[in-house]
Amino acid sequence: MIKKTKLKIRSNKKNQDLQYLNKKTPLWKPLLFLSSSLIFIIALMVIPFIITATYSGTVPGKHKASDSYFGTKSFENVFQDFYFKNAIQNSILFAILVIPITVLISLTISGIISTLFNKKLQSSAQTLFFLPYITNALSISLAFAYLFDTQTGFINNAFGLNIAWLDDQSSNSFNAMFVILIKGVWTGIAFQILIFTNAMMSVDKDKYKAAAIDGASRITMFFKITLPSIKKSVGFIIAVGLIGSIKVFPLALFDNNVNAAKNNGGMTLMMYVYQNIHDGHYYIASAAVIILVLISIALSLTINNSYKLTINLIEKIGAKIEKNKIEYSILMK
């Protein structure tokens, strides 16, 4: 009798749970919880973007505001500006070079850290490599400015060079951009190592044990197990790196002087927008922002597709190397 009562109670509870799960929730309830975030996004992202798009397509009147009309004059002025072309070139170059280099270095270092058996050593290594990420950005810029100073810089003095890295006074010079790229790689590695190491350490260890039993090498396991398992983390890092490359703002390298960046070939898209806003050229700045968004979308699609092709190519190369090793070992026997 007691057992039947207990079973009946459990059955009733189960039915109540099912009824609760099947119960339809009114749409206003989840929207209420999301309202604060939605207000934040609309107020600080959607509305400013609409205003920016409106400004970008507005041609101001010569005499009064009512003479303004819709046109592409701002975009034409932007595309005709040499410094905007230089900014696009530098920002795209930053994305194309810095993202793959940092991902490659970070994957290598993270792979080494994840193979360490000592947990304390793993934590210490992660902390050591993560330090640049928590360092003040202004301090990092000042440090690089000192390292690459023409007269007293460590790089020139250590290697006996006399290169004007940050004060070449030539808008076509690549010296300043080289420093920006090196700084971008150095600052980007820290965050990526943290993400990749945690992702690699969360991969199912049974997969590695099964692969080891089958005689797979560490290289094969990395390309066949590790990389496919952390592909979402790699995609996230590429997306974040792309945003960072578009937002690169190395003004502190040039003593907070935009003109110094322009004159030394170190102009970026964000500095171009910043200068036009500072000078009161809001229509030009708005047009540059719209172009920046379109470039971001194009770069995102290009880099993501390139990443997929690269991963497939690396897997094929890894499989070929392993096959050659097996064939060589058979011949040696």
Protein backbone atom coordinates (compact mmCIF):
# COMPACT_ATOMS: atom_id res chain seq x y z
CA MET A 1 0.00 0.00 0.00
CA ILE A 2 2.83 2.35 0.93
CA LYS A 3 4.65 1.53 -2.32
CA LYS A 4 1.52 2.28 -4.36
CA THR A 5 1.12 5.62 -2.58
CA LYS A 6 4.75 6.57 -3.30
CA LEU A 7 4.40 5.58 -6.96
CA LYS A 8 1.22 7.64 -7.20
CA ILE A 9 2.95 10.69 -5.67
CA ARG A 10 5.89 10.34 -8.10
CA SER A 11 3.51 9.97 -11.02
CA ASN A 12 1.58 13.10 -10.02
CA LYS A 13 4.81 15.05 -9.61
CA LYS A 14 6.03 13.89 -13.01
CA ASN A 15 2.74 14.95 -14.62
CA GLN A 16 2.99 18.35 -12.93
CA ASP A 17 6.54 18.79 -14.26
CA LEU A 18 5.42 17.86 -17.77
CA GLN A 19 2.53 20.29 -17.57
CA TYR A 20 4.92 23.03 -16.43
CA LEU A 21 7.32 22.31 -19.29
CA ASN A 22 4.53 22.21 -21.89
CA LYS A 23 3.00 25.40 -20.61
CA LYS A 24 3.27 28.24 -23.13
CA THR A 25 5.10 31.34 -21.90
CA PRO A 26 3.75 34.72 -23.03
CA LEU A 27 6.16 36.62 -25.31
CA TRP A 28 6.24 39.68 -23.03
CA LYS A 29 7.91 37.76 -20.19
CA PRO A 30 11.23 36.91 -21.93
CA LEU A 31 11.18 40.35 -23.57
CA LEU A 32 10.87 41.88 -20.11
CA PHE A 33 14.07 40.15 -19.00
CA LEU A 34 15.83 41.24 -22.21
CA SER A 35 14.50 44.80 -22.07
CA SER A 36 17.54 46.34 -20.36
CA SER A 37 19.92 44.80 -22.91
CA LEU A 38 17.64 45.74 -25.82
CA ILE A 39 17.41 49.35 -24.60
CA PHE A 40 21.19 49.47 -24.26
CA ILE A 41 21.75 48.06 -27.80
CA ILE A 42 19.13 50.34 -29.38
CA ALA A 43 20.31 53.47 -27.57
CA LEU A 44 24.06 52.99 -28.02
CA MET A 45 24.30 51.02 -31.26
CA VAL A 46 21.19 51.05 -33.48
CA ILE A 47 20.25 54.74 -33.14
CA PRO A 48 23.86 56.03 -33.50
CA PHE A 49 24.31 53.85 -36.60
CA ILE A 50 21.10 55.23 -38.16
CA ILE A 51 22.27 58.79 -37.42
CA THR A 52 25.69 57.99 -38.89
CA ALA A 53 24.13 56.52 -42.04
CA THR A 54 21.94 59.62 -42.39
CA TYR A 55 24.93 61.94 -41.99
CA SER A 56 26.97 59.95 -44.52
CA GLY A 57 24.34 60.49 -47.22
CA THR A 58 23.76 64.17 -46.44
CA VAL A 59 25.38 66.92 -48.49
CA PRO A 60 25.31 70.15 -46.44
CA GLY A 61 23.97 73.30 -48.05
CA LYS A 62 26.28 76.23 -48.73
CA HIS A 63 24.19 78.85 -46.97
CA LYS A 64 21.73 77.19 -44.57
CA ALA A 65 20.80 73.77 -43.21
CA SER A 66 17.56 73.60 -45.22
CA ASP A 67 19.64 73.57 -48.43
CA SER A 68 21.08 70.15 -47.52
CA TYR A 69 20.21 67.24 -49.80
CA PHE A 70 20.89 63.52 -50.16
CA GLY A 71 23.95 62.57 -52.19
CA THR A 72 27.24 60.71 -52.34
CA LYS A 73 29.52 63.74 -52.06
CA SER A 74 30.91 62.65 -48.67
CA PHE A 75 31.81 59.20 -50.01
CA GLU A 76 33.48 60.75 -53.05
CA ASN A 77 35.55 63.03 -50.82
CA VAL A 78 36.57 60.07 -48.66
CA PHE A 79 37.64 57.90 -51.59
CA GLN A 80 39.62 60.77 -53.10
CA ASP A 81 41.52 61.35 -49.85
CA PHE A 82 45.05 59.89 -49.97
CA TYR A 83 45.15 59.39 -46.20
CA PHE A 84 41.94 57.36 -46.27
CA LYS A 85 43.46 55.06 -48.89
CA ASN A 86 46.54 54.75 -46.69
CA ALA A 87 44.32 53.98 -43.68
CA ILE A 88 42.45 51.22 -45.58
CA GLN A 89 45.72 49.73 -46.77
CA ASN A 90 47.17 49.69 -43.24
CA SER A 91 44.03 48.28 -41.58
CA ILE A 92 43.62 45.49 -44.16
CA LEU A 93 47.34 44.71 -43.93
CA PHE A 94 47.01 44.53 -40.14
CA ALA A 95 44.11 42.06 -40.43
CA ILE A 96 45.76 39.88 -43.08
CA LEU A 97 49.14 39.63 -41.32
CA VAL A 98 48.50 39.95 -37.59
CA ILE A 99 45.53 37.56 -37.27
CA PRO A 100 47.18 34.50 -38.94
CA ILE A 101 50.54 35.10 -37.24
CA THR A 102 49.04 35.49 -33.76
CA VAL A 103 46.76 32.45 -34.24
CA LEU A 104 49.69 30.31 -35.41
CA ILE A 105 51.97 31.37 -32.53
CA SER A 106 49.17 31.08 -29.96
CA LEU A 107 48.16 27.59 -31.14
CA THR A 108 51.79 26.44 -30.90
CA ILE A 109 52.32 27.83 -27.39
CA SER A 110 48.90 26.64 -26.19
CA GLY A 111 49.62 23.17 -27.56
CA ILE A 112 52.84 23.04 -25.51
CA ILE A 113 51.15 24.35 -22.34
CA SER A 114 48.26 21.88 -22.62
CA THR A 115 50.70 18.94 -22.74
CA LEU A 116 52.26 19.87 -19.38
CA PHE A 117 51.26 17.36 -16.70
CA ASN A 118 52.00 19.63 -13.75
CA LYS A 119 48.86 21.70 -13.06
CA LYS A 120 50.79 24.42 -11.21
CA LEU A 121 53.21 24.73 -14.11
CA GLN A 122 50.26 25.04 -16.51
CA SER A 123 48.68 27.81 -14.42
CA SER A 124 52.01 29.64 -14.09
CA ALA A 125 52.60 29.48 -17.85
CA GLN A 126 49.08 30.76 -18.58
CA THR A 127 49.52 33.63 -16.12
CA LEU A 128 52.91 34.54 -17.57
CA PHE A 129 51.63 34.71 -21.14
CA PHE A 130 48.42 36.51 -20.07
CA LEU A 131 50.28 39.42 -18.40
CA PRO A 132 50.52 41.55 -21.60
CA TYR A 133 46.71 41.48 -21.91
CA ILE A 134 46.12 43.07 -18.50
CA THR A 135 48.89 45.62 -18.96
CA ASN A 136 47.72 49.17 -19.61
CA ALA A 137 47.47 49.84 -23.38
CA LEU A 138 49.06 53.27 -23.02
CA SER A 139 52.03 51.77 -21.17
CA ILE A 140 52.52 49.20 -23.94
CA SER A 141 52.43 51.90 -26.63
CA LEU A 142 54.96 54.03 -24.74
CA ALA A 143 57.21 50.99 -24.29
CA PHE A 144 57.16 50.27 -28.05
CA ALA A 145 57.74 53.95 -28.80
CA TYR A 146 60.83 53.81 -26.61
CA LEU A 147 62.06 50.51 -28.11
CA PHE A 148 61.79 51.86 -31.67
CA ASP A 149 62.98 55.41 -31.00
CA THR A 150 65.40 56.61 -33.69
CA GLN A 151 68.07 58.03 -31.37
CA THR A 152 67.79 56.17 -28.06
CA GLY A 153 65.71 53.14 -29.04
CA PHE A 154 66.81 49.67 -27.94
CA ILE A 155 66.25 48.11 -31.39
CA ASN A 156 68.50 50.55 -33.26
CA ASN A 157 71.21 50.48 -30.58
CA ALA A 158 71.17 46.69 -30.16
CA PHE A 159 71.44 45.91 -33.88
CA GLY A 160 73.49 48.94 -34.94
CA LEU A 161 70.69 50.38 -37.07
CA ASN A 162 69.76 53.96 -37.87
CA ILE A 163 66.16 53.53 -39.00
CA ALA A 164 63.56 56.23 -38.35
CA TRP A 165 60.80 53.85 -37.28
CA LEU A 166 58.22 56.35 -36.06
CA ASP A 167 59.50 59.66 -37.46
CA ASP A 168 60.39 58.92 -41.07
CA GLN A 169 58.41 61.97 -42.28
CA SER A 170 57.22 60.05 -45.32
CA SER A 171 53.57 59.11 -45.79
CA ASN A 172 54.64 56.22 -48.06
CA SER A 173 57.02 54.73 -45.48
CA PHE A 174 56.35 51.25 -44.08
CA ASN A 175 58.53 51.70 -40.97
CA ALA A 176 55.75 52.97 -38.69
CA MET A 177 53.36 50.29 -39.89
CA PHE A 178 55.98 47.64 -39.12
CA VAL A 179 56.04 48.78 -35.48
CA ILE A 180 52.21 48.77 -35.35
CA LEU A 181 52.17 45.19 -36.71
CA ILE A 182 54.77 43.98 -34.19
CA LYS A 183 52.83 45.61 -31.35
CA GLY A 184 49.59 44.04 -32.63
CA VAL A 185 51.11 40.56 -32.65
CA TRP A 186 52.61 40.99 -29.17
CA THR A 187 49.38 42.25 -27.59
CA GLY A 188 47.13 39.77 -29.43
CA ILE A 189 48.98 36.62 -28.41
CA ALA A 190 48.17 36.93 -24.69
CA PHE A 191 44.38 36.68 -24.95
CA GLN A 192 44.50 34.00 -27.64
CA ILE A 193 46.79 31.74 -25.59
CA LEU A 194 44.34 31.86 -22.68
CA ILE A 195 41.37 30.91 -24.90
CA PHE A 196 43.21 28.19 -26.85
CA THR A 197 44.80 26.62 -23.77
CA ASN A 198 41.46 26.31 -21.97
CA ALA A 199 39.85 24.93 -25.14
CA MET A 200 42.60 22.33 -25.62
CA MET A 201 42.49 21.24 -21.98
CA SER A 202 38.74 20.62 -22.27
CA VAL A 203 39.13 18.19 -25.21
CA ASP A 204 38.11 14.64 -24.30
CA LYS A 205 41.28 12.81 -23.19
CA ASP A 206 39.85 9.44 -24.28
CA LYS A 207 40.24 10.53 -27.90
CA TYR A 208 43.98 11.00 -27.37
CA LYS A 209 44.27 7.63 -25.60
CA ALA A 210 42.49 5.86 -28.47
CA ALA A 211 44.70 7.64 -31.03
CA ALA A 212 47.85 6.74 -29.06
CA ILE A 213 46.79 3.06 -29.00
CA ASP A 214 46.40 3.22 -32.80
CA GLY A 215 49.96 4.56 -33.03
CA ALA A 216 49.16 8.16 -33.97
CA SER A 217 51.90 10.73 -33.39
CA ARG A 218 51.46 14.01 -31.50
CA ILE A 219 51.36 15.90 -34.81
CA THR A 220 48.59 13.67 -36.14
CA MET A 221 46.62 14.01 -32.89
CA PHE A 222 46.97 17.79 -33.05
CA PHE A 223 45.63 18.04 -36.60
CA LYS A 224 43.05 15.25 -36.37
CA ILE A 225 41.74 15.73 -32.83
CA THR A 226 42.81 19.04 -31.28
CA LEU A 227 42.15 21.44 -34.17
CA PRO A 228 38.70 20.03 -35.10
CA SER A 229 37.71 20.05 -31.40
CA ILE A 230 38.60 23.73 -30.88
CA LYS A 231 37.41 25.08 -34.24
CA LYS A 232 34.69 27.16 -32.53
CA SER A 233 37.33 28.81 -30.33
CA VAL A 234 39.46 29.52 -33.41
CA GLY A 235 36.45 31.06 -35.15
CA PHE A 236 35.79 33.22 -32.10
CA ILE A 237 39.42 34.37 -32.01
CA ILE A 238 39.34 35.25 -35.72
CA ALA A 239 36.17 37.31 -35.22
CA VAL A 240 37.63 39.14 -32.22
CA GLY A 241 40.93 39.66 -34.06
CA LEU A 242 39.09 41.10 -37.04
CA ILE A 243 37.26 43.60 -34.86
CA GLY A 244 40.56 44.50 -33.20
CA SER A 245 42.29 45.02 -36.55
CA ILE A 246 39.59 47.40 -37.72
CA LYS A 247 39.63 49.23 -34.38
CA VAL A 248 43.43 49.50 -34.14
CA PHE A 249 44.21 52.96 -32.75
CA PRO A 250 47.98 53.39 -32.24
CA LEU A 251 47.82 57.11 -31.48
CA ALA A 252 50.06 56.85 -28.38
CA LEU A 253 52.94 55.59 -30.55
CA PHE A 254 53.00 59.01 -32.20
CA ASP A 255 52.81 61.07 -29.00
CA ASN A 256 49.00 61.46 -29.41
CA ASN A 257 49.53 63.42 -32.63
CA VAL A 258 47.39 62.29 -35.59
CA ASN A 259 49.40 64.43 -38.00
CA ALA A 260 52.57 62.59 -36.98
CA ALA A 261 50.84 59.29 -37.81
CA LYS A 262 49.70 60.68 -41.18
CA ASN A 263 53.15 61.98 -42.07
CA ASN A 264 54.84 58.68 -41.19
CA GLY A 265 52.50 56.28 -42.99
CA GLY A 266 50.87 55.05 -39.77
CA MET A 267 47.28 56.14 -40.48
CA THR A 268 44.47 53.69 -39.61
CA LEU A 269 40.72 53.80 -40.19
CA MET A 270 39.90 54.62 -36.57
CA MET A 271 42.44 57.45 -36.52
CA TYR A 272 41.01 58.77 -39.79
CA VAL A 273 37.51 58.84 -38.25
CA TYR A 274 38.88 60.36 -35.03
CA GLN A 275 40.66 63.18 -36.89
CA ASN A 276 37.61 64.12 -38.96
CA ILE A 277 35.38 64.17 -35.89
CA HIS A 278 37.98 66.26 -34.04
CA ASP A 279 38.14 68.69 -36.98
CA GLY A 280 34.32 68.93 -37.20
CA HIS A 281 34.01 67.07 -40.52
CA TYR A 282 31.10 64.93 -39.33
CA TYR A 283 29.79 64.05 -42.80
CA ILE A 284 33.20 62.78 -43.91
CA ALA A 285 33.63 60.82 -40.66
CA SER A 286 30.17 59.24 -41.05
CA ALA A 287 30.91 58.14 -44.61
CA ALA A 288 34.21 56.64 -43.43
CA VAL A 289 32.37 54.71 -40.69
CA ILE A 290 29.91 53.19 -43.20
CA ILE A 291 32.81 52.14 -45.43
CA LEU A 292 34.55 50.72 -42.36
CA VAL A 293 31.49 48.54 -41.59
CA LEU A 294 31.37 47.23 -45.17
CA ILE A 295 35.11 46.46 -45.11
CA SER A 296 34.63 44.59 -41.79
CA ILE A 297 31.92 42.38 -43.32
CA ALA A 298 34.02 41.67 -46.43
CA LEU A 299 37.13 40.87 -44.37
CA SER A 300 35.14 38.63 -42.02
CA LEU A 301 33.81 36.53 -44.89
CA THR A 302 37.24 36.36 -46.56
CA ILE A 303 39.17 35.41 -43.43
CA ASN A 304 36.61 32.81 -42.28
CA ASN A 305 36.61 31.11 -45.68
CA SER A 306 40.41 31.27 -45.81
CA TYR A 307 40.56 29.71 -42.35
CA LYS A 308 38.38 26.77 -43.40
CA LEU A 309 40.50 26.19 -46.50
CA THR A 310 43.70 26.44 -44.45
CA ILE A 311 42.47 23.92 -41.85
CA ASN A 312 41.55 21.45 -44.62
CA LEU A 313 44.95 21.95 -46.24
CA ILE A 314 46.81 21.50 -42.93
CA GLU A 315 44.87 18.29 -42.21
CA LYS A 316 45.80 16.91 -45.62
CA ILE A 317 49.46 17.86 -45.14
CA GLY A 318 49.47 16.29 -41.66
CA ALA A 319 47.92 13.08 -43.01
CA LYS A 320 50.49 12.98 -45.83
CA ILE A 321 53.40 13.47 -43.40
CA GLU A 322 52.09 10.66 -41.20
CA LYS A 323 51.64 8.39 -44.22
CA ASN A 324 55.22 9.07 -45.35
CA LYS A 325 56.49 8.26 -41.84
CA ILE A 326 54.66 4.92 -41.81
CA GLU A 327 55.93 4.02 -45.29
CA TYR A 328 59.48 4.97 -44.29
CA SER A 329 59.33 2.88 -41.10
CA ILE A 330 58.08 -0.12 -43.12
CA LEU A 331 60.93 0.25 -45.62
CA MET A 332 63.50 0.51 -42.80
CA LYS A 333 62.27 -2.76 -41.37
